[in-house]
PDB file of N, CA and C in Angstrom:
ATOM      1  N   MET A   1      46.119  19.015 -38.558  1.00  0.00           N
ATOM      2  CA  MET A   1      46.221  19.834 -37.352  1.00  0.00           C
ATOM      3  C   MET A   1      47.682  20.235 -37.256  1.00  0.00           C
ATOM      4  N   LYS A   2      47.803  21.685 -36.829  1.00  0.00           N
ATOM      5  CA  LYS A   2      49.114  22.301 -36.716  1.00  0.00           C
ATOM      6  C   LYS A   2      49.816  21.800 -35.396  1.00  0.00           C
ATOM      7  N   THR A   3      51.070  21.599 -35.228  1.00  0.00           N
ATOM      8  CA  THR A   3      51.591  21.092 -34.056  1.00  0.00           C
ATOM      9  C   THR A   3      52.341  22.170 -33.340  1.00  0.00           C
ATOM     10  N   ILE A   4      52.809  21.948 -32.124  1.00  0.00           N
ATOM     11  CA  ILE A   4      53.599  22.743 -31.455  1.00  0.00           C
ATOM     12  C   ILE A   4      54.920  23.066 -32.196  1.00  0.00           C
ATOM     13  N   ASP A   5      55.518  22.220 -32.940  1.00  0.00           N
ATOM     14  CA  ASP A   5      56.718  22.379 -33.567  1.00  0.00           C
ATOM     15  C   ASP A   5      56.384  23.440 -34.769  1.00  0.00           C
ATOM     16  N   TYR A   6      55.252  23.308 -35.476  1.00  0.00           N
ATOM     17  CA  TYR A   6      54.896  24.117 -36.400  1.00  0.00           C
ATOM     18  C   TYR A   6      54.900  25.698 -35.827  1.00  0.00           C
ATOM     19  N   TYR A   7      54.265  25.777 -34.728  1.00  0.00           N
ATOM     20  CA  TYR A   7      54.055  27.196 -34.171  1.00  0.00           C
ATOM     21  C   TYR A   7      55.313  27.715 -33.718  1.00  0.00           C
ATOM     22  N   MET A   8      56.112  26.856 -32.983  1.00  0.00           N
ATOM     23  CA  MET A   8      57.501  27.288 -32.534  1.00  0.00           C
ATOM     24  C   MET A   8      58.369  27.679 -33.659  1.00  0.00           C
ATOM     25  N   GLY A   9      58.203  27.093 -34.906  1.00  0.00           N
ATOM     26  CA  GLY A   9      59.078  27.710 -35.982  1.00  0.00           C
ATOM     27  C   GLY A   9      58.629  28.880 -36.749  1.00  0.00           C
ATOM     28  N   LEU A  10      57.514  29.324 -36.410  1.00  0.00           N
ATOM     29  CA  LEU A  10      57.010  30.609 -36.962  1.00  0.00           C
ATOM     30  C   LEU A  10      57.837  31.844 -36.385  1.00  0.00           C
ATOM     31  N   PRO A  11      57.912  32.791 -37.261  1.00  0.00           N
ATOM     32  CA  PRO A  11      58.722  33.988 -36.792  1.00  0.00           C
ATOM     33  C   PRO A  11      57.976  34.991 -35.995  1.00  0.00           C
ATOM     34  N   TYR A  12      57.487  34.697 -34.830  1.00  0.00           N
ATOM     35  CA  TYR A  12      56.687  35.801 -34.139  1.00  0.00           C
ATOM     36  C   TYR A  12      57.602  36.809 -33.617  1.00  0.00           C
ATOM     37  N   LYS A  13      57.014  38.103 -33.715  1.00  0.00           N
ATOM     38  CA  LYS A  13      57.733  39.292 -33.296  1.00  0.00           C
ATOM     39  C   LYS A  13      57.915  39.170 -31.804  1.00  0.00           C
ATOM     40  N   LEU A  14      59.283  39.466 -31.264  1.00  0.00           N
ATOM     41  CA  LEU A  14      59.470  39.381 -29.978  1.00  0.00           C
ATOM     42  C   LEU A  14      60.039  40.885 -29.482  1.00  0.00           C
ATOM     43  N   GLU A  15      59.221  41.335 -28.524  1.00  0.00           N
ATOM     44  CA  GLU A  15      59.642  42.648 -27.935  1.00  0.00           C
ATOM     45  C   GLU A  15      60.247  42.547 -26.579  1.00  0.00           C
ATOM     46  N   ILE A  16      61.596  43.131 -26.330  1.00  0.00           N
ATOM     47  CA  ILE A  16      62.143  43.120 -25.168  1.00  0.00           C
ATOM     48  C   ILE A  16      62.479  44.537 -24.730  1.00  0.00           C
ATOM     49  N   VAL A  17      62.029  44.935 -23.463  1.00  0.00           N
ATOM     50  CA  VAL A  17      62.327  46.278 -23.016  1.00  0.00           C
ATOM     51  C   VAL A  17      62.809  46.152 -21.614  1.00  0.00           C
ATOM     52  N   PRO A  18      63.758  47.140 -21.290  1.00  0.00           N
ATOM     53  CA  PRO A  18      64.252  47.243 -19.927  1.00  0.00           C
ATOM     54  C   PRO A  18      63.015  47.464 -18.840  1.00  0.00           C
ATOM     55  N   ASP A  19      63.294  46.944 -17.865  1.00  0.00           N
ATOM     56  CA  ASP A  19      62.268  47.067 -16.711  1.00  0.00           C
ATOM     57  C   ASP A  19      62.982  48.111 -15.765  1.00  0.00           C
ATOM     58  N   VAL A  20      62.536  49.487 -15.969  1.00  0.00           N
ATOM     59  CA  VAL A  20      63.066  50.419 -15.242  1.00  0.00           C
ATOM     60  C   VAL A  20      62.989  50.446 -13.581  1.00  0.00           C
ATOM     61  N   LYS A  21      61.743  49.825 -13.268  1.00  0.00           N
ATOM     62  CA  LYS A  21      61.542  49.702 -11.920  1.00  0.00           C
ATOM     63  C   LYS A  21      62.135  48.807 -11.075  1.00  0.00           C
ATOM     64  N   GLU A  22      62.118  47.474 -11.693  1.00  0.00           N
ATOM     65  CA  GLU A  22      62.622  46.274 -11.045  1.00  0.00           C
ATOM     66  C   GLU A  22      63.918  45.941 -11.482  1.00  0.00           C
ATOM     67  N   GLY A  23      64.403  46.305 -12.615  1.00  0.00           N
ATOM     68  CA  GLY A  23      65.623  46.014 -13.182  1.00  0.00           C
ATOM     69  C   GLY A  23      65.469  44.870 -14.142  1.00  0.00           C
ATOM     70  N   GLY A  24      66.531  44.426 -14.777  1.00  0.00           N
ATOM     71  CA  GLY A  24      66.392  43.365 -15.863  1.00  0.00           C
ATOM     72  C   GLY A  24      65.515  43.724 -17.011  1.00  0.00           C
ATOM     73  N   TYR A  25      64.890  42.819 -17.638  1.00  0.00           N
ATOM     74  CA  TYR A  25      64.100  43.085 -18.876  1.00  0.00           C
ATOM     75  C   TYR A  25      62.768  42.281 -18.736  1.00  0.00           C
ATOM     76  N   VAL A  26      61.861  42.745 -19.453  1.00  0.00           N
ATOM     77  CA  VAL A  26      60.410  42.306 -19.816  1.00  0.00           C
ATOM     78  C   VAL A  26      60.239  41.844 -21.373  1.00  0.00           C
ATOM     79  N   ALA A  27      59.865  40.596 -21.550  1.00  0.00           N
ATOM     80  CA  ALA A  27      59.728  40.271 -23.006  1.00  0.00           C
ATOM     81  C   ALA A  27      58.257  39.730 -23.273  1.00  0.00           C
ATOM     82  N   ARG A  28      57.874  40.001 -24.337  1.00  0.00           N
ATOM     83  CA  ARG A  28      56.593  39.434 -24.839  1.00  0.00           C
ATOM     84  C   ARG A  28      56.473  39.280 -26.229  1.00  0.00           C
ATOM     85  N   TYR A  29      55.583  38.506 -26.688  1.00  0.00           N
ATOM     86  CA  TYR A  29      55.213  38.266 -28.030  1.00  0.00           C
ATOM     87  C   TYR A  29      53.722  38.873 -28.334  1.00  0.00           C
ATOM     88  N   PRO A  30      53.796  40.016 -28.882  1.00  0.00           N
ATOM     89  CA  PRO A  30      52.496  40.781 -29.037  1.00  0.00           C
ATOM     90  C   PRO A  30      51.451  40.048 -29.874  1.00  0.00           C
ATOM     91  N   GLU A  31      51.719  38.932 -30.611  1.00  0.00           N
ATOM     92  CA  GLU A  31      50.797  38.179 -31.299  1.00  0.00           C
ATOM     93  C   GLU A  31      50.186  36.982 -30.564  1.00  0.00           C
ATOM     94  N   LEU A  32      50.916  36.834 -29.305  1.00  0.00           N
ATOM     95  CA  LEU A  32      50.231  35.787 -28.404  1.00  0.00           C
ATOM     96  C   LEU A  32      49.974  36.415 -27.081  1.00  0.00           C
ATOM     97  N   PRO A  33      48.697  36.797 -27.032  1.00  0.00           N
ATOM     98  CA  PRO A  33      48.309  37.668 -25.812  1.00  0.00           C
ATOM     99  C   PRO A  33      48.511  37.036 -24.482  1.00  0.00           C
ATOM    100  N   GLY A  34      49.221  37.672 -23.677  1.00  0.00           N
ATOM    101  CA  GLY A  34      49.615  37.259 -22.348  1.00  0.00           C
ATOM    102  C   GLY A  34      50.830  36.315 -22.135  1.00  0.00           C
ATOM    103  N   CYS A  35      51.574  36.149 -23.333  1.00  0.00           N
ATOM    104  CA  CYS A  35      52.655  35.402 -23.281  1.00  0.00           C
ATOM    105  C   CYS A  35      53.998  36.411 -23.106  1.00  0.00           C
ATOM    106  N   ILE A  36      54.180  36.460 -21.840  1.00  0.00           N
ATOM    107  CA  ILE A  36      55.304  37.381 -21.228  1.00  0.00           C
ATOM    108  C   ILE A  36      56.172  36.811 -20.330  1.00  0.00           C
ATOM    109  N   SER A  37      57.353  37.288 -20.211  1.00  0.00           N
ATOM    110  CA  SER A  37      58.419  36.695 -19.240  1.00  0.00           C
ATOM    111  C   SER A  37      59.390  37.795 -18.934  1.00  0.00           C
ATOM    112  N   VAL A  38      60.214  37.544 -17.900  1.00  0.00           N
ATOM    113  CA  VAL A  38      61.248  38.635 -17.273  1.00  0.00           C
ATOM    114  C   VAL A  38      62.395  37.840 -17.150  1.00  0.00           C
ATOM    115  N   GLY A  39      63.546  38.510 -17.058  1.00  0.00           N
ATOM    116  CA  GLY A  39      64.765  38.034 -16.742  1.00  0.00           C
ATOM    117  C   GLY A  39      65.907  39.123 -16.346  1.00  0.00           C
ATOM    118  N   SER A  40      66.880  38.800 -15.599  1.00  0.00           N
ATOM    119  CA  SER A  40      67.752  39.639 -15.308  1.00  0.00           C
ATOM    120  C   SER A  40      68.766  40.228 -16.183  1.00  0.00           C
ATOM    121  N   THR A  41      69.029  39.301 -17.263  1.00  0.00           N
ATOM    122  CA  THR A  41      69.889  39.607 -18.363  1.00  0.00           C
ATOM    123  C   THR A  41      69.155  39.411 -19.584  1.00  0.00           C
ATOM    124  N   LEU A  42      69.841  39.936 -20.721  1.00  0.00           N
ATOM    125  CA  LEU A  42      69.140  39.805 -21.984  1.00  0.00           C
ATOM    126  C   LEU A  42      68.913  38.159 -22.169  1.00  0.00           C
ATOM    127  N   GLU A  43      70.103  37.550 -22.182  1.00  0.00           N
ATOM    128  CA  GLU A  43      70.230  36.003 -22.429  1.00  0.00           C
ATOM    129  C   GLU A  43      69.124  35.347 -21.427  1.00  0.00           C
ATOM    130  N   GLU A  44      69.102  35.587 -20.329  1.00  0.00           N
ATOM    131  CA  GLU A  44      68.102  35.012 -19.394  1.00  0.00           C
ATOM    132  C   GLU A  44      66.665  35.339 -19.819  1.00  0.00           C
ATOM    133  N   THR A  45      66.515  36.588 -20.123  1.00  0.00           N
ATOM    134  CA  THR A  45      65.097  36.890 -20.523  1.00  0.00           C
ATOM    135  C   THR A  45      64.741  36.233 -21.820  1.00  0.00           C
ATOM    136  N   VAL A  46      65.529  36.007 -23.019  1.00  0.00           N
ATOM    137  CA  VAL A  46      65.255  35.378 -24.078  1.00  0.00           C
ATOM    138  C   VAL A  46      64.966  33.785 -23.806  1.00  0.00           C
ATOM    139  N   ASN A  47      65.906  33.373 -23.058  1.00  0.00           N
ATOM    140  CA  ASN A  47      65.684  31.881 -22.475  1.00  0.00           C
ATOM    141  C   ASN A  47      64.138  31.580 -21.932  1.00  0.00           C
ATOM    142  N   HIS A  48      63.876  32.572 -20.985  1.00  0.00           N
ATOM    143  CA  HIS A  48      62.657  32.446 -20.197  1.00  0.00           C
ATOM    144  C   HIS A  48      61.466  32.671 -21.174  1.00  0.00           C
ATOM    145  N   VAL A  49      61.437  33.651 -22.115  1.00  0.00           N
ATOM    146  CA  VAL A  49      60.322  34.022 -22.921  1.00  0.00           C
ATOM    147  C   VAL A  49      60.197  32.858 -23.977  1.00  0.00           C
ATOM    148  N   LEU A  50      61.117  32.258 -24.461  1.00  0.00           N
ATOM    149  CA  LEU A  50      61.162  30.942 -25.291  1.00  0.00           C
ATOM    150  C   LEU A  50      60.424  29.866 -24.621  1.00  0.00           C
ATOM    151  N   ASP A  51      60.813  29.665 -23.242  1.00  0.00           N
ATOM    152  CA  ASP A  51      59.934  28.685 -22.489  1.00  0.00           C
ATOM    153  C   ASP A  51      58.559  29.180 -22.346  1.00  0.00           C
ATOM    154  N   ALA A  52      58.299  30.328 -22.155  1.00  0.00           N
ATOM    155  CA  ALA A  52      56.884  30.789 -21.980  1.00  0.00           C
ATOM    156  C   ALA A  52      56.029  30.768 -23.320  1.00  0.00           C
ATOM    157  N   LYS A  53      56.727  31.023 -24.305  1.00  0.00           N
ATOM    158  CA  LYS A  53      56.109  30.634 -25.691  1.00  0.00           C
ATOM    159  C   LYS A  53      55.566  29.342 -25.928  1.00  0.00           C
ATOM    160  N   LYS A  54      56.598  28.441 -25.524  1.00  0.00           N
ATOM    161  CA  LYS A  54      56.263  27.094 -25.636  1.00  0.00           C
ATOM    162  C   LYS A  54      55.225  26.488 -24.883  1.00  0.00           C
ATOM    163  N   GLU A  55      55.127  26.888 -23.536  1.00  0.00           N
ATOM    164  CA  GLU A  55      54.186  26.577 -22.640  1.00  0.00           C
ATOM    165  C   GLU A  55      52.870  27.318 -23.033  1.00  0.00           C
ATOM    166  N   TRP A  56      52.855  28.397 -23.565  1.00  0.00           N
ATOM    167  CA  TRP A  56      51.768  29.155 -23.972  1.00  0.00           C
ATOM    168  C   TRP A  56      51.037  28.394 -25.109  1.00  0.00           C
ATOM    169  N   LEU A  57      51.811  28.123 -26.102  1.00  0.00           N
ATOM    170  CA  LEU A  57      51.397  27.328 -27.345  1.00  0.00           C
ATOM    171  C   LEU A  57      50.774  25.966 -26.982  1.00  0.00           C
ATOM    172  N   ILE A  58      51.408  25.334 -26.003  1.00  0.00           N
ATOM    173  CA  ILE A  58      50.858  24.012 -25.660  1.00  0.00           C
ATOM    174  C   ILE A  58      49.465  24.093 -25.013  1.00  0.00           C
ATOM    175  N   ALA A  59      49.472  25.086 -24.094  1.00  0.00           N
ATOM    176  CA  ALA A  59      48.148  25.328 -23.322  1.00  0.00           C
ATOM    177  C   ALA A  59      47.024  25.868 -24.433  1.00  0.00           C
ATOM    178  N   ALA A  60      47.359  26.492 -25.303  1.00  0.00           N
ATOM    179  CA  ALA A  60      46.425  27.014 -26.357  1.00  0.00           C
ATOM    180  C   ALA A  60      46.084  25.817 -27.186  1.00  0.00           C
ATOM    181  N   LEU A  61      46.835  24.984 -27.556  1.00  0.00           N
ATOM    182  CA  LEU A  61      46.553  23.812 -28.439  1.00  0.00           C
ATOM    183  C   LEU A  61      45.629  22.824 -27.619  1.00  0.00           C
ATOM    184  N   GLU A  62      46.051  22.675 -26.357  1.00  0.00           N
ATOM    185  CA  GLU A  62      45.266  21.682 -25.576  1.00  0.00           C
ATOM    186  C   GLU A  62      43.764  22.182 -25.207  1.00  0.00           C
ATOM    187  N   ASP A  63      43.653  23.671 -25.052  1.00  0.00           N
ATOM    188  CA  ASP A  63      42.290  24.193 -24.702  1.00  0.00           C
ATOM    189  C   ASP A  63      41.585  24.570 -26.043  1.00  0.00           C
ATOM    190  N   GLY A  64      42.127  24.352 -27.311  1.00  0.00           N
ATOM    191  CA  GLY A  64      41.525  24.605 -28.387  1.00  0.00           C
ATOM    192  C   GLY A  64      41.278  26.190 -28.813  1.00  0.00           C
ATOM    193  N   ILE A  65      42.356  26.998 -28.358  1.00  0.00           N
ATOM    194  CA  ILE A  65      42.165  28.472 -28.297  1.00  0.00           C
ATOM    195  C   ILE A  65      42.846  28.591 -29.702  1.00  0.00           C
ATOM    196  N   VAL A  66      42.297  29.578 -30.428  1.00  0.00           N
ATOM    197  CA  VAL A  66      42.856  29.963 -31.671  1.00  0.00           C
ATOM    198  C   VAL A  66      44.236  30.696 -31.533  1.00  0.00           C
ATOM    199  N   ILE A  67      45.166  30.249 -32.278  1.00  0.00           N
ATOM    200  CA  ILE A  67      46.613  30.742 -32.249  1.00  0.00           C
ATOM    201  C   ILE A  67      46.929  31.674 -33.443  1.00  0.00           C
ATOM    202  N   ASN A  68      47.015  32.854 -33.179  1.00  0.00           N
ATOM    203  CA  ASN A  68      47.301  33.794 -34.184  1.00  0.00           C
ATOM    204  C   ASN A  68      48.782  33.592 -34.692  1.00  0.00           C
ATOM    205  N   GLU A  69      48.900  33.668 -36.097  1.00  0.00           N
ATOM    206  CA  GLU A  69      50.157  33.383 -36.828  1.00  0.00           C
ATOM    207  C   GLU A  69      50.822  34.737 -37.070  1.00  0.00           C
ATOM    208  N   PRO A  70      51.997  34.874 -37.141  1.00  0.00           N
ATOM    209  CA  PRO A  70      52.696  36.211 -37.314  1.00  0.00           C
ATOM    210  C   PRO A  70      52.223  36.834 -38.501  1.00  0.00           C
ATOM    211  N   VAL A  71      52.223  38.269 -38.278  1.00  0.00           N
ATOM    212  CA  VAL A  71      51.743  39.121 -39.449  1.00  0.00           C
ATOM    213  C   VAL A  71      53.036  39.145 -40.202  1.00  0.00           C
ATOM    214  N   ALA A  72      52.795  39.034 -41.540  1.00  0.00           N
ATOM    215  CA  ALA A  72      53.900  39.079 -42.556  1.00  0.00           C
ATOM    216  C   ALA A  72      54.228  40.535 -42.843  1.00  0.00           C
ATOM    217  N   HIS A  73      55.526  40.923 -42.693  1.00  0.00           N
ATOM    218  CA  HIS A  73      56.054  42.325 -42.907  1.00  0.00           C
ATOM    219  C   HIS A  73      56.141  42.549 -44.435  1.00  0.00           C
ATOM    220  N   ASP A  74      55.922  41.695 -45.252  1.00  0.00           N
ATOM    221  CA  ASP A  74      56.053  41.887 -46.624  1.00  0.00           C
ATOM    222  C   ASP A  74      54.653  42.490 -47.332  1.00  0.00           C
ATOM    223  N   ASN A  75      53.617  42.460 -46.272  1.00  0.00           N
ATOM    224  CA  ASN A  75      52.352  43.066 -46.656  1.00  0.00           C
ATOM    225  C   ASN A  75      52.394  44.529 -46.501  1.00  0.00           C
ATOM    226  N   TYR A  76      53.535  45.183 -46.132  1.00  0.00           N
ATOM    227  CA  TYR A  76      53.474  46.650 -45.966  1.00  0.00           C
ATOM    228  C   TYR A  76      54.630  47.130 -46.740  1.00  0.00           C
ATOM    229  N   SER A  77      54.445  48.157 -47.638  1.00  0.00           N
ATOM    230  CA  SER A  77      55.399  48.726 -48.549  1.00  0.00           C
ATOM    231  C   SER A  77      56.314  49.683 -47.847  1.00  0.00           C
ATOM    232  N   GLY A  78      55.923  50.291 -46.553  1.00  0.00           N
ATOM    233  CA  GLY A  78      56.835  51.222 -45.941  1.00  0.00           C
ATOM    234  C   GLY A  78      56.382  52.653 -46.542  1.00  0.00           C
ATOM    235  N   GLN A  79      55.375  52.663 -47.282  1.00  0.00           N
ATOM    236  CA  GLN A  79      55.053  54.088 -47.850  1.00  0.00           C
ATOM    237  C   GLN A  79      53.665  54.219 -47.715  1.00  0.00           C
ATOM    238  N   PHE A  80      53.162  55.535 -47.608  1.00  0.00           N
ATOM    239  CA  PHE A  80      51.673  55.926 -47.602  1.00  0.00           C
ATOM    240  C   PHE A  80      51.594  57.478 -47.887  1.00  0.00           C
ATOM    241  N   LYS A  81      50.677  57.798 -48.543  1.00  0.00           N
ATOM    242  CA  LYS A  81      50.337  59.347 -48.848  1.00  0.00           C
ATOM    243  C   LYS A  81      49.590  59.807 -47.806  1.00  0.00           C
ATOM    244  N   LEU A  82      49.711  61.061 -47.410  1.00  0.00           N
ATOM    245  CA  LEU A  82      49.093  61.747 -46.487  1.00  0.00           C
ATOM    246  C   LEU A  82      48.774  63.116 -46.861  1.00  0.00           C
ATOM    247  N   ARG A  83      47.626  63.626 -46.845  1.00  0.00           N
ATOM    248  CA  ARG A  83      47.335  65.051 -47.221  1.00  0.00           C
ATOM    249  C   ARG A  83      47.318  65.849 -45.841  1.00  0.00           C
ATOM    250  N   ILE A  84      47.860  66.815 -45.749  1.00  0.00           N
ATOM    251  CA  ILE A  84      47.826  67.596 -44.576  1.00  0.00           C
ATOM    252  C   ILE A  84      47.660  69.251 -44.958  1.00  0.00           C
ATOM    253  N   PRO A  85      47.277  70.042 -43.973  1.00  0.00           N
ATOM    254  CA  PRO A  85      47.032  71.311 -44.296  1.00  0.00           C
ATOM    255  C   PRO A  85      48.370  72.130 -44.726  1.00  0.00           C
ATOM    256  N   LYS A  86      48.234  73.086 -45.555  1.00  0.00           N
ATOM    257  CA  LYS A  86      49.462  73.781 -45.890  1.00  0.00           C
ATOM    258  C   LYS A  86      50.217  74.408 -44.779  1.00  0.00           C
ATOM    259  N   SER A  87      49.607  74.706 -43.836  1.00  0.00           N
ATOM    260  CA  SER A  87      50.117  75.418 -42.631  1.00  0.00           C
ATOM    261  C   SER A  87      51.119  74.259 -41.808  1.00  0.00           C
ATOM    262  N   LEU A  88      50.547  73.164 -41.888  1.00  0.00           N
ATOM    263  CA  LEU A  88      51.391  72.045 -41.178  1.00  0.00           C
ATOM    264  C   LEU A  88      52.457  71.627 -42.047  1.00  0.00           C
ATOM    265  N   HIS A  89      52.392  71.574 -43.303  1.00  0.00           N
ATOM    266  CA  HIS A  89      53.372  71.318 -44.216  1.00  0.00           C
ATOM    267  C   HIS A  89      54.519  72.326 -44.151  1.00  0.00           C
ATOM    268  N   ARG A  90      54.168  73.553 -44.117  1.00  0.00           N
ATOM    269  CA  ARG A  90      55.165  74.531 -43.823  1.00  0.00           C
ATOM    270  C   ARG A  90      55.924  74.438 -42.581  1.00  0.00           C
ATOM    271  N   SER A  91      55.134  74.200 -41.435  1.00  0.00           N
ATOM    272  CA  SER A  91      55.692  74.070 -40.249  1.00  0.00           C
ATOM    273  C   SER A  91      56.781  72.919 -40.122  1.00  0.00           C
ATOM    274  N   LEU A  92      56.282  71.818 -40.628  1.00  0.00           N
ATOM    275  CA  LEU A  92      57.177  70.494 -40.700  1.00  0.00           C
ATOM    276  C   LEU A  92      58.354  70.881 -41.580  1.00  0.00           C
ATOM    277  N   ALA A  93      58.295  71.600 -42.695  1.00  0.00           N
ATOM    278  CA  ALA A  93      59.480  71.766 -43.597  1.00  0.00           C
ATOM    279  C   ALA A  93      60.526  72.788 -42.818  1.00  0.00           C
ATOM    280  N   GLU A  94      59.935  73.715 -41.992  1.00  0.00           N
ATOM    281  CA  GLU A  94      60.739  74.703 -41.252  1.00  0.00           C
ATOM    282  C   GLU A  94      61.502  73.999 -40.258  1.00  0.00           C
ATOM    283  N   HIS A  95      60.792  73.076 -39.438  1.00  0.00           N
ATOM    284  CA  HIS A  95      61.377  72.280 -38.395  1.00  0.00           C
ATOM    285  C   HIS A  95      62.439  71.276 -38.865  1.00  0.00           C
ATOM    286  N   SER A  96      62.195  70.692 -39.919  1.00  0.00           N
ATOM    287  CA  SER A  96      63.207  69.741 -40.593  1.00  0.00           C
ATOM    288  C   SER A  96      64.447  70.432 -40.880  1.00  0.00           C
ATOM    289  N   LYS A  97      64.194  71.597 -41.531  1.00  0.00           N
ATOM    290  CA  LYS A  97      65.310  72.450 -42.025  1.00  0.00           C
ATOM    291  C   LYS A  97      66.238  72.770 -40.855  1.00  0.00           C
ATOM    292  N   ALA A  98      65.555  73.237 -39.946  1.00  0.00           N
ATOM    293  CA  ALA A  98      66.277  73.777 -38.575  1.00  0.00           C
ATOM    294  C   ALA A  98      66.984  72.637 -37.961  1.00  0.00           C
ATOM    295  N   GLU A  99      66.544  71.374 -38.048  1.00  0.00           N
ATOM    296  CA  GLU A  99      67.207  70.299 -37.640  1.00  0.00           C
ATOM    297  C   GLU A  99      68.291  69.672 -38.661  1.00  0.00           C
ATOM    298  N   GLY A 100      68.326  70.136 -39.848  1.00  0.00           N
ATOM    299  CA  GLY A 100      69.155  69.792 -40.803  1.00  0.00           C
ATOM    300  C   GLY A 100      69.065  68.448 -41.393  1.00  0.00           C
ATOM    301  N   ILE A 101      67.802  68.096 -41.469  1.00  0.00           N
ATOM    302  CA  ILE A 101      67.317  66.709 -41.963  1.00  0.00           C
ATOM    303  C   ILE A 101      66.234  66.918 -42.905  1.00  0.00           C
ATOM    304  N   SER A 102      65.951  65.880 -43.734  1.00  0.00           N
ATOM    305  CA  SER A 102      64.905  65.952 -44.798  1.00  0.00           C
ATOM    306  C   SER A 102      63.518  65.820 -44.036  1.00  0.00           C
ATOM    307  N   MET A 103      62.515  66.415 -44.824  1.00  0.00           N
ATOM    308  CA  MET A 103      61.269  66.400 -44.119  1.00  0.00           C
ATOM    309  C   MET A 103      60.695  64.988 -43.768  1.00  0.00           C
ATOM    310  N   ASN A 104      61.126  63.916 -44.782  1.00  0.00           N
ATOM    311  CA  ASN A 104      60.743  62.680 -44.654  1.00  0.00           C
ATOM    312  C   ASN A 104      61.427  62.185 -43.319  1.00  0.00           C
ATOM    313  N   GLN A 105      62.620  62.369 -43.101  1.00  0.00           N
ATOM    314  CA  GLN A 105      63.294  61.963 -41.900  1.00  0.00           C
ATOM    315  C   GLN A 105      62.741  62.577 -40.594  1.00  0.00           C
ATOM    316  N   TYR A 106      62.469  63.721 -40.725  1.00  0.00           N
ATOM    317  CA  TYR A 106      61.876  64.316 -39.527  1.00  0.00           C
ATOM    318  C   TYR A 106      60.336  63.983 -39.126  1.00  0.00           C
ATOM    319  N   CYS A 107      59.465  63.750 -40.300  1.00  0.00           N
ATOM    320  CA  CYS A 107      58.195  63.143 -40.040  1.00  0.00           C
ATOM    321  C   CYS A 107      58.346  61.561 -39.507  1.00  0.00           C
ATOM    322  N   LEU A 108      59.191  60.782 -39.943  1.00  0.00           N
ATOM    323  CA  LEU A 108      59.569  59.648 -39.454  1.00  0.00           C
ATOM    324  C   LEU A 108      59.831  59.661 -38.021  1.00  0.00           C
ATOM    325  N   TYR A 109      60.811  60.584 -37.573  1.00  0.00           N
ATOM    326  CA  TYR A 109      61.144  60.710 -36.203  1.00  0.00           C
ATOM    327  C   TYR A 109      59.897  60.996 -35.399  1.00  0.00           C
ATOM    328  N   LEU A 110      59.071  61.983 -35.874  1.00  0.00           N
ATOM    329  CA  LEU A 110      57.863  62.300 -35.073  1.00  0.00           C
ATOM    330  C   LEU A 110      56.932  61.184 -34.919  1.00  0.00           C
ATOM    331  N   LEU A 111      56.774  60.328 -35.990  1.00  0.00           N
ATOM    332  CA  LEU A 111      55.838  59.288 -36.134  1.00  0.00           C
ATOM    333  C   LEU A 111      56.345  58.312 -35.205  1.00  0.00           C
ATOM    334  N   THR A 112      57.687  57.918 -35.177  1.00  0.00           N
ATOM    335  CA  THR A 112      58.275  56.997 -34.270  1.00  0.00           C
ATOM    336  C   THR A 112      58.129  57.325 -32.836  1.00  0.00           C
ATOM    337  N   LEU A 113      58.427  58.551 -32.602  1.00  0.00           N
ATOM    338  CA  LEU A 113      58.372  59.139 -31.239  1.00  0.00           C
ATOM    339  C   LEU A 113      56.843  58.985 -30.466  1.00  0.00           C
ATOM    340  N   ASN A 114      55.874  59.348 -31.409  1.00  0.00           N
ATOM    341  CA  ASN A 114      54.548  59.267 -30.936  1.00  0.00           C
ATOM    342  C   ASN A 114      54.115  57.922 -30.778  1.00  0.00           C
ATOM    343  N   ASP A 115      54.371  56.982 -31.602  1.00  0.00           N
ATOM    344  CA  ASP A 115      54.134  55.664 -31.797  1.00  0.00           C
ATOM    345  C   ASP A 115      54.824  54.994 -30.378  1.00  0.00           C
ATOM    346  N   ALA A 116      56.015  55.318 -30.066  1.00  0.00           N
ATOM    347  CA  ALA A 116      56.577  54.795 -28.724  1.00  0.00           C
ATOM    348  C   ALA A 116      55.787  55.184 -27.486  1.00  0.00           C
ATOM    349  N   ILE A 117      55.366  56.585 -27.530  1.00  0.00           N
ATOM    350  CA  ILE A 117      54.492  57.106 -26.377  1.00  0.00           C
ATOM    351  C   ILE A 117      53.256  56.366 -26.244  1.00  0.00           C
ATOM    352  N   THR A 118      52.591  56.079 -27.540  1.00  0.00           N
ATOM    353  CA  THR A 118      51.225  55.521 -27.409  1.00  0.00           C
ATOM    354  C   THR A 118      51.393  54.123 -27.026  1.00  0.00           C
ATOM    355  N   PHE A 119      52.545  53.308 -27.244  1.00  0.00           N
ATOM    356  CA  PHE A 119      52.783  52.003 -26.992  1.00  0.00           C
ATOM    357  C   PHE A 119      52.970  51.882 -25.543  1.00  0.00           C
ATOM    358  N   THR A 120      53.957  52.715 -24.989  1.00  0.00           N
ATOM    359  CA  THR A 120      54.233  52.540 -23.567  1.00  0.00           C
ATOM    360  C   THR A 120      53.356  53.319 -22.704  1.00  0.00           C
ATOM    361  N   GLY A 121      52.538  54.315 -23.104  1.00  0.00           N
ATOM    362  CA  GLY A 121      51.769  55.160 -22.352  1.00  0.00           C
ATOM    363  C   GLY A 121      52.693  56.237 -21.577  1.00  0.00           C
ATOM    364  N   LYS A 122      53.865  56.272 -22.001  1.00  0.00           N
ATOM    365  CA  LYS A 122      54.816  57.280 -21.322  1.00  0.00           C
ATOM    366  C   LYS A 122      55.445  58.174 -22.292  1.00  0.00           C
ATOM    367  N   GLN A 123      55.580  59.472 -21.822  1.00  0.00           N
ATOM    368  CA  GLN A 123      56.339  60.479 -22.705  1.00  0.00           C
ATOM    369  C   GLN A 123      57.657  60.525 -22.211  1.00  0.00           C
ATOM    370  N   LYS A 124      58.694  60.477 -23.176  1.00  0.00           N
ATOM    371  CA  LYS A 124      59.965  60.616 -22.870  1.00  0.00           C
ATOM    372  C   LYS A 124      60.205  61.891 -22.487  1.00  0.00           C
ATOM    373  N   LYS A 125      61.167  62.150 -21.603  1.00  0.00           N
ATOM    374  CA  LYS A 125      61.548  63.540 -21.186  1.00  0.00           C
ATOM    375  C   LYS A 125      62.677  64.025 -22.064  1.00  0.00           C
ATOM    376  N   ALA A 126      62.683  65.204 -22.582  1.00  0.00           N
ATOM    377  CA  ALA A 126      63.680  65.810 -23.424  1.00  0.00           C
ATOM    378  C   ALA A 126      64.853  65.935 -22.910  1.00  0.00           C
TER     379      ALA A 126
END
């Protein structure tokens, strides 16, 4: 049986974002549903979320809840092929040229921006 020390030693992804409404920060472990904490400073937030992680894991072990282990980043190469219409290819090439960056960099920017919007549910103002 896996112990609390085993799970505490795993490299779970930690997300920390500023809390624009209340001030301070919000932290969560996406792979541990509901494991979330807040703090006034980054240091306080990290300390609080580490405590929350330990308590979350203890409760899950006691209740027999399945605990997800971290997703290994080495399962992803960072590359994928994408077929797009010629008109979109042309548009992306023109926009990246206008920005003075490669089309790969431009597409990475667009994907990152869209992923952030999807994750937060908020669109950034230009």
